[in-house]
Every structure is written in structure tokens, then in C-alpha cells.
Amino acid sequence: MICRFCKTELFNVFIDLINSPPSNSFLTENELNKPEIYYPLKIYICHNCFLVQIDEYKQSDEIFNEKYAYFSSYSSSWLIHSKNYVNMAIQKFQLNKKSFVIEIASNDGYLLQYFKERGIPCLGIEPASNVAATAKEKGLNIIEEFFGADLARILVAEGKIPDLLIGNNVLAHVPNLNDFIQGLKILLHHKGAITLEFPHLLKLIEKNQFDTIYHEHYSYFSFFTVNNIFKFHGLEIFDVEKLPTHGGSLRIYVKQAEDKSKVILQSVENLINLEIAKKINNIDYYKGLQSKANDIKYDLINFLITQKKKDNLVIAYGAAAKGNTLLNYCGIKKDLIKFIVDISPKKHNKFLPGSHIPILHEDEIKIFKPKYILILAWNIKEEIMKQLNYVREWDCKFIIPIPKVMIV
């Protein structure tokens, strides 16, 4: 494999999660009897630029299509996060009705709807046609395309040059990283700003978040590496914030390198120094996640087998991609997890890839009264436990699998 940024040949394995079907490829009942394709889930670390990455085993246009299952608006905490972002961005960048905002990977309009409410012109770019259709139903303008340098040139030619260019949880999903960032450089207004949010690699390592690794996440970023990548493409990060979302994320603020109107804040140097102090630029820092993932795997399997022998019913909550990585790596099937509940009606009456565990409506919890609920979407565990607080009536407990198996 060749590094998708610096083109160095890769041979250092970060973690090997063996084989797995694509995490968002939910199955219908008719598909259960058909062959299922598994792809390697082996992650490499580049010893030159320290970009953590997976090969493009599954083409991006095969993932982000009309069957894409992730709709952002079903998480209430994510909607609150998005609305707060819009309020902040309007004030920070002094946006008004003469401004123009573009969001890349705009999903179902979860964020742009708040710009629209404030009367700020905006445009979404979303390749998955089913979630794009939901955004259009909200009255949003959406381009159904993958973003890159070619699309950026078309938008510039049409005069659609944004004052603010947004990308939340998209950078990791880009197989051609250099083309994507080149597109950002081309499209951004000479005095404009880019904000990007993505999971922080340090949190993945320190909190054992190996289940956030799946085929549609092509890259995993430290701030040290992402800062160097943007510099290479003539862009500069002028501010960075740490966010609690997705188990620990970064929000970076990016400008044209030629734009001297924005001062590079101390937060940039502080985070680079922090990561270097942790030896982020030393290949030895990236060792050890495999054994920690195996500990979680064995502890979870042992717990579930024990409950099975006791005839205690265990179900799961949150048909998230991270849950599919966890279940498939652990080899957990529907004999140990009877069913999974999810708030999204788009997933109901379908089955998880690999494990074939059925996805049902929340009403089933009150019918079956499980002894334990495994929270697969652990990044919003507080939201879920509050929503399911009624299960305490029959002494049901929650299982949190990351950063270690815990009973709550």
C-alpha cells in the first residue's frame, strides 16, 4: 500500500481487525441468504508523515450511494451541536444575508437548515442521493456529487465562492485526500475560512476506540499530520478546538496561506507541542492498540457467554457503524445479542452486516424487558441512557464497551 498523502510505501501495521463487511451495508431479510462480501480491515501507519490509513478496499461511490444508512438528524445531541456551531460561525465570521456558505457532505441538511433559518444563502454537496433527497425536502439547495478539485473549479466558474466552507466528519471519508484538499484551496474565497471537524487520533489511541475504524473511514488524523498536509497544499490552520463529539474530535479553522488578515492563534502551537510531547512523530507511539482491542474483545465475549448460560437476555442499542466493527471483530452473533434497537426508522426491520442481528423499534424493549443493553453508540451514551431510563424499572443495566467493558 502507498500512503495517500506522501506516497511512501507502507509496511507498519497500526491494527488488524481481520475481515469485515462494510459497516453501513445493512441487509434486508431477502439478502440474508445471499453471499456477503468481507473486506480486510487492516490499518497502516506511514513512517514518513504519520498518517494512519486503510486501503480503498471498498470504493467510495459504492458506500455513499442511494442506500447510505447514516442520517445525521436522528441524534438530538448532534443537532444541538450543529445549531450551536451555526450561531458561533455567524458571529465569528460576521456572516449575513450577503454571505455564502457551502457544506461538503451536508447529509440530510442537519446543519444547513440552521443557516437557512437565519437567512444566510447556503449550498450543500452530498453524493448519497437518499440523504440528499431529505435535505432537499427541507428546502435546501444540494449538489449530488463527490467533492474534489474538478467540482471546485466548476463552482468557481459559476461564481459560487464561499465565505465559509464547512466539512463535518468528511475528511476521514476521502480516499483521494490530496485532490480533496486541493479542491478546498481552489474553492475558498481569498479572505474566507474553512472549518472541518474530525475524530482526533489521539483519543482513538488513548481511549481504545478501535471500533471507530471501518472501511468508509480511509484516514485517521493527528493534528500534527493534518497541519502538515494543509501546509503542503497552501492552506494554513489558524485555530483549533477540542470537541467532545464522537469520543473526542478536533475542529480546525483554515485559511488561504496568502491571507494575512487572520492571525494564527496560540492554540495551534499548543496542540502541536502537546502531540510531539506524546511522541506522535515516533512510530513507537502507535504500538499497543491491538492488545487493548483484544482485551475488550475477550472481556465482552466472556461476559455475553456468561449471561447466555444464566439465561439473561441481552440486547443492543445503536445500529452505528462502530457497533458493526465491534461485533464483527468479536465474532458476536444473534445467539448472544437477540436484537438491536435504533431510533432511525430507515434501519428498522433490517439486519446488521456480518452478525445478522435484527434491528427493531424501541417498543420491543418494553416487551422483552432485557437484563442488559449493550450501548454500541457509546459516544452518545448519556443521551441513550437518559432516553432509556425507564428500563431501570426492571433492574436492567447498561454495558459500555469502550474504553473498557463496564456495567452501568
Protein backbone atom coordinates (compact mmCIF):
# COMPACT_ATOMS: atom_id res chain seq x y z
CA MET A 1 0.00 0.00 0.00
CA ILE A 2 1.15 3.56 -0.77
CA CYS A 3 0.43 6.48 1.61
CA ARG A 4 -2.47 8.51 0.23
CA PHE A 5 -0.73 11.76 1.17
CA CYS A 6 3.05 11.46 0.77
CA LYS A 7 3.15 8.31 -1.45
CA THR A 8 5.54 6.46 0.86
CA GLU A 9 5.32 2.66 0.76
CA LEU A 10 3.61 1.41 3.93
CA PHE A 11 4.61 -1.62 5.96
CA ASN A 12 3.86 -0.67 9.60
CA VAL A 13 0.53 -2.13 10.77
CA PHE A 14 -1.36 0.05 13.26
CA ILE A 15 -4.06 -2.55 13.98
CA ASP A 16 -5.51 -5.55 12.18
CA LEU A 17 -9.24 -6.09 12.74
CA ILE A 18 -9.21 -9.03 10.30
CA ASN A 19 -12.11 -9.01 7.82
CA SER A 20 -15.49 -7.31 7.94
CA PRO A 21 -18.34 -6.37 5.63
CA PRO A 22 -18.80 -2.61 5.11
CA SER A 23 -20.21 -1.24 8.36
CA ASN A 24 -23.18 0.61 6.87
CA SER A 25 -24.26 -2.14 4.46
CA PHE A 26 -27.41 -3.15 6.33
CA LEU A 27 -29.26 -6.16 4.93
CA THR A 28 -32.86 -6.86 4.08
CA GLU A 29 -34.40 -10.20 5.04
CA ASN A 30 -34.12 -11.39 1.42
CA GLU A 31 -30.38 -10.65 1.42
CA LEU A 32 -29.65 -12.86 4.43
CA ASN A 33 -29.40 -15.97 2.25
CA LYS A 34 -27.09 -14.36 -0.26
CA PRO A 35 -23.27 -14.30 -0.13
CA GLU A 36 -21.83 -11.42 1.86
CA ILE A 37 -18.54 -9.79 0.88
CA TYR A 38 -15.93 -9.26 3.59
CA TYR A 39 -13.01 -6.86 3.13
CA PRO A 40 -9.72 -6.64 5.05
CA LEU A 41 -9.79 -4.18 7.94
CA LYS A 42 -6.05 -3.71 8.35
CA ILE A 43 -4.84 -0.21 9.20
CA TYR A 44 -1.34 1.10 8.43
CA ILE A 45 0.74 3.95 9.79
CA CYS A 46 3.01 5.93 7.48
CA HIS A 47 6.50 6.19 8.99
CA ASN A 48 7.16 9.35 6.95
CA CYS A 49 4.11 11.61 7.55
CA PHE A 50 2.39 9.55 10.32
CA LEU A 51 -0.95 9.40 8.56
CA VAL A 52 -2.96 6.40 9.81
CA GLN A 53 -4.93 4.88 6.95
CA ILE A 54 -6.65 1.96 5.28
CA ASP A 55 -6.52 0.97 1.65
CA GLU A 56 -9.58 1.71 -0.50
CA TYR A 57 -10.92 -1.84 -0.45
CA LYS A 58 -14.46 -0.55 -0.88
CA GLN A 59 -14.88 2.21 -3.48
CA SER A 60 -16.37 5.42 -2.10
CA ASP A 61 -19.15 5.51 -4.70
CA GLU A 62 -20.20 2.03 -3.55
CA ILE A 63 -20.56 3.31 0.03
CA PHE A 64 -22.08 6.77 -0.40
CA ASN A 65 -24.98 5.90 -2.69
CA GLU A 66 -28.77 5.67 -2.59
CA LYS A 67 -28.56 3.00 0.16
CA TYR A 68 -26.39 5.00 2.56
CA ALA A 69 -27.86 4.46 6.01
CA TYR A 70 -26.49 7.32 8.11
CA PHE A 71 -28.90 10.23 8.65
CA SER A 72 -27.38 12.88 10.94
CA SER A 73 -30.66 14.37 12.16
CA TYR A 74 -31.65 11.35 14.27
CA SER A 75 -29.23 12.36 17.03
CA SER A 76 -30.66 15.13 19.18
CA SER A 77 -27.26 15.91 20.70
CA TRP A 78 -25.74 16.27 17.22
CA LEU A 79 -28.50 18.70 16.22
CA ILE A 80 -27.77 20.80 19.30
CA HIS A 81 -24.08 20.71 18.44
CA SER A 82 -24.85 21.83 14.88
CA LYS A 83 -27.14 24.68 15.90
CA ASN A 84 -24.55 25.94 18.37
CA TYR A 85 -21.94 25.82 15.61
CA VAL A 86 -24.11 27.92 13.28
CA ASN A 87 -24.67 30.55 15.96
CA MET A 88 -20.94 30.65 16.66
CA ALA A 89 -19.94 30.81 12.97
CA ILE A 90 -22.35 33.65 12.18
CA GLN A 91 -20.88 35.74 14.96
CA LYS A 92 -17.22 34.75 14.49
CA PHE A 93 -17.17 35.31 10.71
CA GLN A 94 -19.76 38.12 10.68
CA LEU A 95 -21.99 36.28 8.24
CA ASN A 96 -25.12 37.93 6.88
CA LYS A 97 -27.59 37.71 4.00
CA LYS A 98 -24.85 38.75 1.58
CA SER A 99 -22.57 35.90 2.69
CA PHE A 100 -22.37 32.46 1.11
CA VAL A 101 -21.84 29.16 2.92
CA ILE A 102 -21.06 25.76 1.41
CA GLU A 103 -21.07 22.49 3.35
CA ILE A 104 -19.34 19.43 1.95
CA ALA A 105 -21.02 16.14 2.93
CA SER A 106 -24.14 18.00 4.01
CA ASN A 107 -26.02 14.75 4.66
CA ASP A 108 -29.74 15.30 5.38
CA GLY A 109 -29.44 19.05 5.97
CA TYR A 110 -28.88 18.65 9.72
CA LEU A 111 -26.66 21.79 9.78
CA LEU A 112 -27.54 23.92 6.75
CA GLN A 113 -31.16 24.11 7.91
CA TYR A 114 -30.00 26.46 10.67
CA PHE A 115 -28.18 28.76 8.23
CA LYS A 116 -31.36 28.78 6.12
CA GLU A 117 -33.42 29.75 9.18
CA ARG A 118 -31.09 32.72 9.69
CA GLY A 119 -31.49 33.83 6.07
CA ILE A 120 -27.91 33.09 5.05
CA PRO A 121 -27.50 31.72 1.49
CA CYS A 122 -26.06 28.23 1.52
CA LEU A 123 -25.35 25.21 -0.65
CA GLY A 124 -24.82 21.57 0.25
CA ILE A 125 -22.69 18.99 -1.53
CA GLU A 126 -23.81 15.41 -0.83
CA PRO A 127 -23.15 12.33 -3.01
CA ALA A 128 -25.58 9.95 -1.25
CA SER A 129 -28.85 10.53 -3.10
CA ASN A 130 -31.19 9.27 -0.38
CA VAL A 131 -29.93 11.59 2.34
CA ALA A 132 -29.61 14.41 -0.21
CA ALA A 133 -33.31 13.96 -1.00
CA THR A 134 -34.17 14.50 2.67
CA ALA A 135 -32.16 17.74 2.66
CA LYS A 136 -33.97 18.94 -0.46
CA GLU A 137 -37.29 18.32 1.29
CA LYS A 138 -36.14 20.92 3.83
CA GLY A 139 -35.86 23.47 1.02
CA LEU A 140 -32.06 23.31 0.79
CA ASN A 141 -30.02 23.58 -2.40
CA ILE A 142 -27.98 20.41 -2.82
CA ILE A 143 -25.47 19.23 -5.43
CA GLU A 144 -25.35 15.42 -5.59
CA GLU A 145 -21.66 14.98 -6.31
CA PHE A 146 -18.39 13.94 -4.68
CA PHE A 147 -16.24 16.93 -3.85
CA GLY A 148 -12.79 17.39 -5.34
CA ALA A 149 -10.70 19.73 -7.44
CA ASP A 150 -12.85 19.32 -10.57
CA LEU A 151 -16.10 20.25 -8.82
CA ALA A 152 -14.34 23.15 -7.08
CA ARG A 153 -13.30 24.59 -10.46
CA ILE A 154 -16.88 24.29 -11.75
CA LEU A 155 -18.27 26.10 -8.70
CA VAL A 156 -15.68 28.88 -9.01
CA ALA A 157 -16.54 29.28 -12.70
CA GLU A 158 -20.21 29.65 -11.68
CA GLY A 159 -19.31 32.31 -9.12
CA LYS A 160 -20.22 30.08 -6.16
CA ILE A 161 -17.28 31.02 -3.97
CA PRO A 162 -17.97 30.57 -0.25
CA ASP A 163 -17.06 32.90 2.58
CA LEU A 164 -17.33 29.86 4.84
CA LEU A 165 -16.62 26.31 3.69
CA ILE A 166 -17.67 23.55 6.10
CA GLY A 167 -16.86 19.85 6.33
CA ASN A 168 -18.02 17.89 9.37
CA ASN A 169 -16.81 14.30 9.62
CA VAL A 170 -15.92 14.15 5.94
CA LEU A 171 -12.10 14.39 5.90
CA ALA A 172 -11.75 10.80 7.11
CA HIS A 173 -14.11 9.60 4.37
CA VAL A 174 -11.97 10.85 1.47
CA PRO A 175 -9.92 8.26 -0.46
CA ASN A 176 -8.15 10.86 -2.66
CA LEU A 177 -7.04 13.14 0.14
CA ASN A 178 -4.79 15.40 -1.93
CA ASP A 179 -7.46 16.03 -4.55
CA PHE A 180 -9.99 16.89 -1.84
CA ILE A 181 -7.74 19.42 -0.10
CA GLN A 182 -6.69 20.86 -3.45
CA GLY A 183 -10.40 21.40 -4.07
CA LEU A 184 -10.69 23.29 -0.77
CA LYS A 185 -7.79 25.53 -1.83
CA ILE A 186 -9.38 26.24 -5.22
CA LEU A 187 -12.87 26.95 -3.90
CA LEU A 188 -12.20 29.06 -0.81
CA HIS A 189 -12.62 32.85 -1.05
CA HIS A 190 -9.26 34.64 -0.65
CA LYS A 191 -10.46 36.08 2.68
CA GLY A 192 -12.71 33.15 3.57
CA ALA A 193 -12.43 30.38 6.16
CA ILE A 194 -12.80 26.62 6.27
CA THR A 195 -13.91 24.67 9.33
CA LEU A 196 -13.50 20.92 9.46
CA GLU A 197 -14.40 18.52 12.26
CA PHE A 198 -12.97 15.02 12.53
CA PRO A 199 -12.21 12.45 15.23
CA HIS A 200 -8.86 13.03 16.95
CA LEU A 201 -6.43 10.14 16.51
CA LEU A 202 -5.01 10.70 19.99
CA LYS A 203 -8.42 9.97 21.52
CA LEU A 204 -8.77 6.83 19.40
CA ILE A 205 -5.45 5.56 20.76
CA GLU A 206 -5.77 6.72 24.38
CA LYS A 207 -9.43 5.62 24.77
CA ASN A 208 -9.09 2.33 22.83
CA GLN A 209 -11.67 3.45 20.26
CA PHE A 210 -10.73 0.76 17.74
CA ASP A 211 -14.39 0.32 16.78
CA THR A 212 -14.33 3.74 15.08
CA ILE A 213 -12.23 2.05 12.39
CA TYR A 214 -14.22 0.91 9.38
CA HIS A 215 -13.97 0.88 5.62
CA GLU A 216 -15.54 4.27 4.93
CA HIS A 217 -13.00 5.90 7.27
CA TYR A 218 -9.98 5.94 4.98
CA SER A 219 -7.75 8.13 7.19
CA TYR A 220 -7.27 8.90 10.90
CA PHE A 221 -5.69 12.23 11.79
CA SER A 222 -3.45 13.64 14.45
CA PHE A 223 -3.22 17.43 14.50
CA PHE A 224 0.49 17.20 13.76
CA THR A 225 -0.16 15.36 10.50
CA VAL A 226 -3.22 17.28 9.35
CA ASN A 227 -1.40 20.57 9.91
CA ASN A 228 1.46 19.45 7.66
CA ILE A 229 -0.97 18.20 4.98
CA PHE A 230 -2.76 21.54 4.78
CA LYS A 231 0.53 23.47 4.69
CA PHE A 232 1.64 21.34 1.75
CA HIS A 233 -1.46 22.46 -0.17
CA GLY A 234 -1.05 26.18 0.53
CA LEU A 235 -3.55 26.36 3.36
CA GLU A 236 -2.92 27.28 7.00
CA ILE A 237 -4.69 26.25 10.17
CA PHE A 238 -5.16 29.40 12.26
CA ASP A 239 -7.16 27.95 15.17
CA VAL A 240 -8.14 24.58 16.62
CA GLU A 241 -10.67 23.47 19.22
CA LYS A 242 -11.10 20.20 21.06
CA LEU A 243 -14.66 18.84 20.94
CA PRO A 244 -16.34 16.02 22.90
CA THR A 245 -18.22 14.72 19.83
CA HIS A 246 -17.59 11.21 18.51
CA GLY A 247 -15.48 10.30 21.51
CA GLY A 248 -13.17 13.30 21.05
CA SER A 249 -12.84 15.41 17.91
CA LEU A 250 -10.99 18.43 16.61
CA ARG A 251 -12.43 21.45 14.85
CA ILE A 252 -9.81 23.18 12.74
CA TYR A 253 -10.09 26.65 11.24
CA VAL A 254 -8.26 27.01 7.92
CA LYS A 255 -7.36 29.99 5.72
CA GLN A 256 -5.53 30.64 2.50
CA ALA A 257 -1.79 30.84 3.22
CA GLU A 258 -1.77 34.20 1.42
CA ASP A 259 -4.49 35.62 3.70
CA LYS A 260 -2.72 37.82 6.26
CA SER A 261 -5.96 39.15 7.75
CA LYS A 262 -6.20 36.19 10.13
CA VAL A 263 -3.68 35.64 12.91
CA ILE A 264 -2.52 32.09 13.68
CA LEU A 265 -3.63 31.63 17.28
CA GLN A 266 -1.65 30.07 20.12
CA SER A 267 -4.00 27.07 20.17
CA VAL A 268 -2.26 25.73 17.04
CA GLU A 269 1.23 25.68 18.53
CA ASN A 270 -0.09 24.40 21.87
CA LEU A 271 -1.70 21.31 20.33
CA ILE A 272 1.30 20.55 18.12
CA ASN A 273 3.58 20.76 21.17
CA LEU A 274 1.23 18.52 23.15
CA GLU A 275 1.25 15.85 20.45
CA ILE A 276 5.01 16.00 19.99
CA ALA A 277 5.43 15.64 23.76
CA LYS A 278 3.39 12.44 23.47
CA LYS A 279 5.78 11.36 20.66
CA ILE A 280 3.17 11.50 17.91
CA ASN A 281 6.06 11.72 15.42
CA ASN A 282 7.60 8.47 16.64
CA ILE A 283 6.42 5.16 15.20
CA ASP A 284 6.60 3.54 18.65
CA TYR A 285 3.67 5.70 19.84
CA TYR A 286 1.33 3.76 17.57
CA LYS A 287 2.03 0.35 19.08
CA GLY A 288 -0.22 -1.33 21.63
CA LEU A 289 -3.76 -0.71 20.35
CA GLN A 290 -4.05 -4.29 19.07
CA SER A 291 -3.60 -5.86 22.51
CA LYS A 292 -6.04 -3.39 24.09
CA ALA A 293 -8.63 -4.18 21.43
CA ASN A 294 -8.15 -7.89 22.10
CA ASP A 295 -8.69 -7.35 25.84
CA ILE A 296 -12.03 -5.66 25.13
CA LYS A 297 -12.94 -8.44 22.70
CA TYR A 298 -12.27 -11.23 25.20
CA ASP A 299 -13.92 -9.43 28.12
CA LEU A 300 -17.08 -8.71 26.13
CA ILE A 301 -17.35 -12.25 24.74
CA ASN A 302 -16.83 -13.78 28.18
CA PHE A 303 -19.49 -11.53 29.70
CA LEU A 304 -22.04 -12.32 26.99
CA ILE A 305 -21.41 -16.07 27.21
CA THR A 306 -21.85 -15.92 30.99
CA GLN A 307 -25.18 -14.14 30.60
CA LYS A 308 -26.28 -16.65 27.96
CA LYS A 309 -25.60 -19.52 30.34
CA LYS A 310 -27.61 -17.70 33.02
CA ASP A 311 -30.47 -17.26 30.53
CA ASN A 312 -30.25 -13.47 30.91
CA LEU A 313 -31.47 -11.61 27.84
CA VAL A 314 -29.00 -9.16 26.29
CA ILE A 315 -29.89 -6.73 23.50
CA ALA A 316 -28.00 -3.80 21.98
CA TYR A 317 -28.79 -0.16 21.23
CA GLY A 318 -27.48 1.90 18.33
CA ALA A 319 -27.03 0.32 14.90
CA ALA A 320 -23.99 2.50 14.31
CA ALA A 321 -21.03 1.70 12.07
CA LYS A 322 -18.77 1.48 15.12
CA GLY A 323 -21.05 -1.18 16.58
CA ASN A 324 -20.68 -3.32 13.48
CA THR A 325 -16.90 -3.13 13.71
CA LEU A 326 -17.04 -4.20 17.35
CA LEU A 327 -19.49 -7.06 16.81
CA ASN A 328 -17.74 -8.44 13.75
CA TYR A 329 -14.27 -8.28 15.28
CA CYS A 330 -15.57 -10.04 18.39
CA GLY A 331 -17.49 -12.60 16.31
CA ILE A 332 -20.73 -11.82 18.15
CA LYS A 333 -23.93 -13.12 16.52
CA LYS A 334 -27.62 -13.11 17.33
CA ASP A 335 -27.26 -16.08 19.70
CA LEU A 336 -25.61 -13.68 22.18
CA ILE A 337 -27.42 -10.45 21.20
CA LYS A 338 -31.09 -11.14 20.47
CA PHE A 339 -31.78 -7.86 18.65
CA ILE A 340 -30.64 -4.26 18.38
CA VAL A 341 -32.74 -1.12 18.74
CA ASP A 342 -32.17 2.07 16.77
CA ILE A 343 -34.01 5.39 16.64
CA SER A 344 -33.76 5.63 12.86
CA PRO A 345 -36.82 4.17 11.07
CA LYS A 346 -34.59 3.82 7.98
CA LYS A 347 -32.88 0.89 9.70
CA HIS A 348 -35.89 -0.89 11.21
CA ASN A 349 -36.56 -4.46 10.06
CA LYS A 350 -33.12 -4.69 8.53
CA PHE A 351 -30.15 -6.72 9.76
CA LEU A 352 -26.62 -5.83 10.77
CA PRO A 353 -23.93 -6.80 8.26
CA GLY A 354 -21.95 -9.85 9.30
CA SER A 355 -23.69 -10.60 12.59
CA HIS A 356 -27.22 -10.57 11.02
CA ILE A 357 -28.71 -9.24 14.25
CA PRO A 358 -32.19 -7.78 13.54
CA ILE A 359 -32.80 -4.04 14.02
CA LEU A 360 -36.10 -3.29 15.74
CA HIS A 361 -38.12 -0.39 17.11
CA GLU A 362 -37.58 0.76 20.68
CA ASP A 363 -41.02 -0.57 21.68
CA GLU A 364 -39.51 -4.07 21.70
CA ILE A 365 -37.50 -3.19 24.80
CA LYS A 366 -40.65 -2.92 26.92
CA ILE A 367 -41.97 -6.18 25.51
CA PHE A 368 -38.86 -8.30 26.11
CA LYS A 369 -37.51 -6.50 29.22
CA PRO A 370 -33.83 -7.38 28.74
CA LYS A 371 -31.41 -7.83 31.63
CA TYR A 372 -28.64 -5.91 29.85
CA ILE A 373 -28.43 -3.40 26.99
CA LEU A 374 -25.12 -3.11 25.16
CA ILE A 375 -24.70 0.52 24.05
CA LEU A 376 -22.86 0.33 20.74
CA ALA A 377 -23.18 4.08 20.07
CA TRP A 378 -21.15 4.76 23.22
CA ASN A 379 -20.23 8.28 22.02
CA ILE A 380 -23.80 9.37 22.88
CA LYS A 381 -24.25 7.03 25.84
CA GLU A 382 -25.60 9.78 28.13
CA GLU A 383 -28.28 10.65 25.59
CA ILE A 384 -29.21 6.97 25.20
CA MET A 385 -29.29 6.15 28.91
CA LYS A 386 -31.48 9.17 29.57
CA GLN A 387 -33.82 8.12 26.76
CA LEU A 388 -33.99 4.55 28.11
CA ASN A 389 -34.13 5.46 31.79
CA TYR A 390 -37.40 3.50 32.14
CA VAL A 391 -35.51 0.17 31.90
CA ARG A 392 -34.35 0.72 35.47
CA GLU A 393 -37.88 -0.32 36.48
CA TRP A 394 -36.93 -3.98 35.97
CA ASP A 395 -33.28 -3.55 37.07
CA CYS A 396 -31.88 -3.58 33.55
CA LYS A 397 -28.25 -2.48 33.30
CA PHE A 398 -26.19 -0.94 30.50
CA ILE A 399 -22.97 -2.33 29.05
CA ILE A 400 -20.44 0.25 27.84
CA PRO A 401 -17.74 -1.48 25.71
CA ILE A 402 -15.27 1.40 25.20
CA PRO A 403 -12.67 2.25 26.55
CA LYS A 404 -13.17 -0.97 28.52
CA VAL A 405 -16.13 -3.20 29.21
CA MET A 406 -18.16 -1.62 32.04
CA ILE A 407 -21.57 -2.33 33.56
CA VAL A 408 -23.59 0.78 34.47
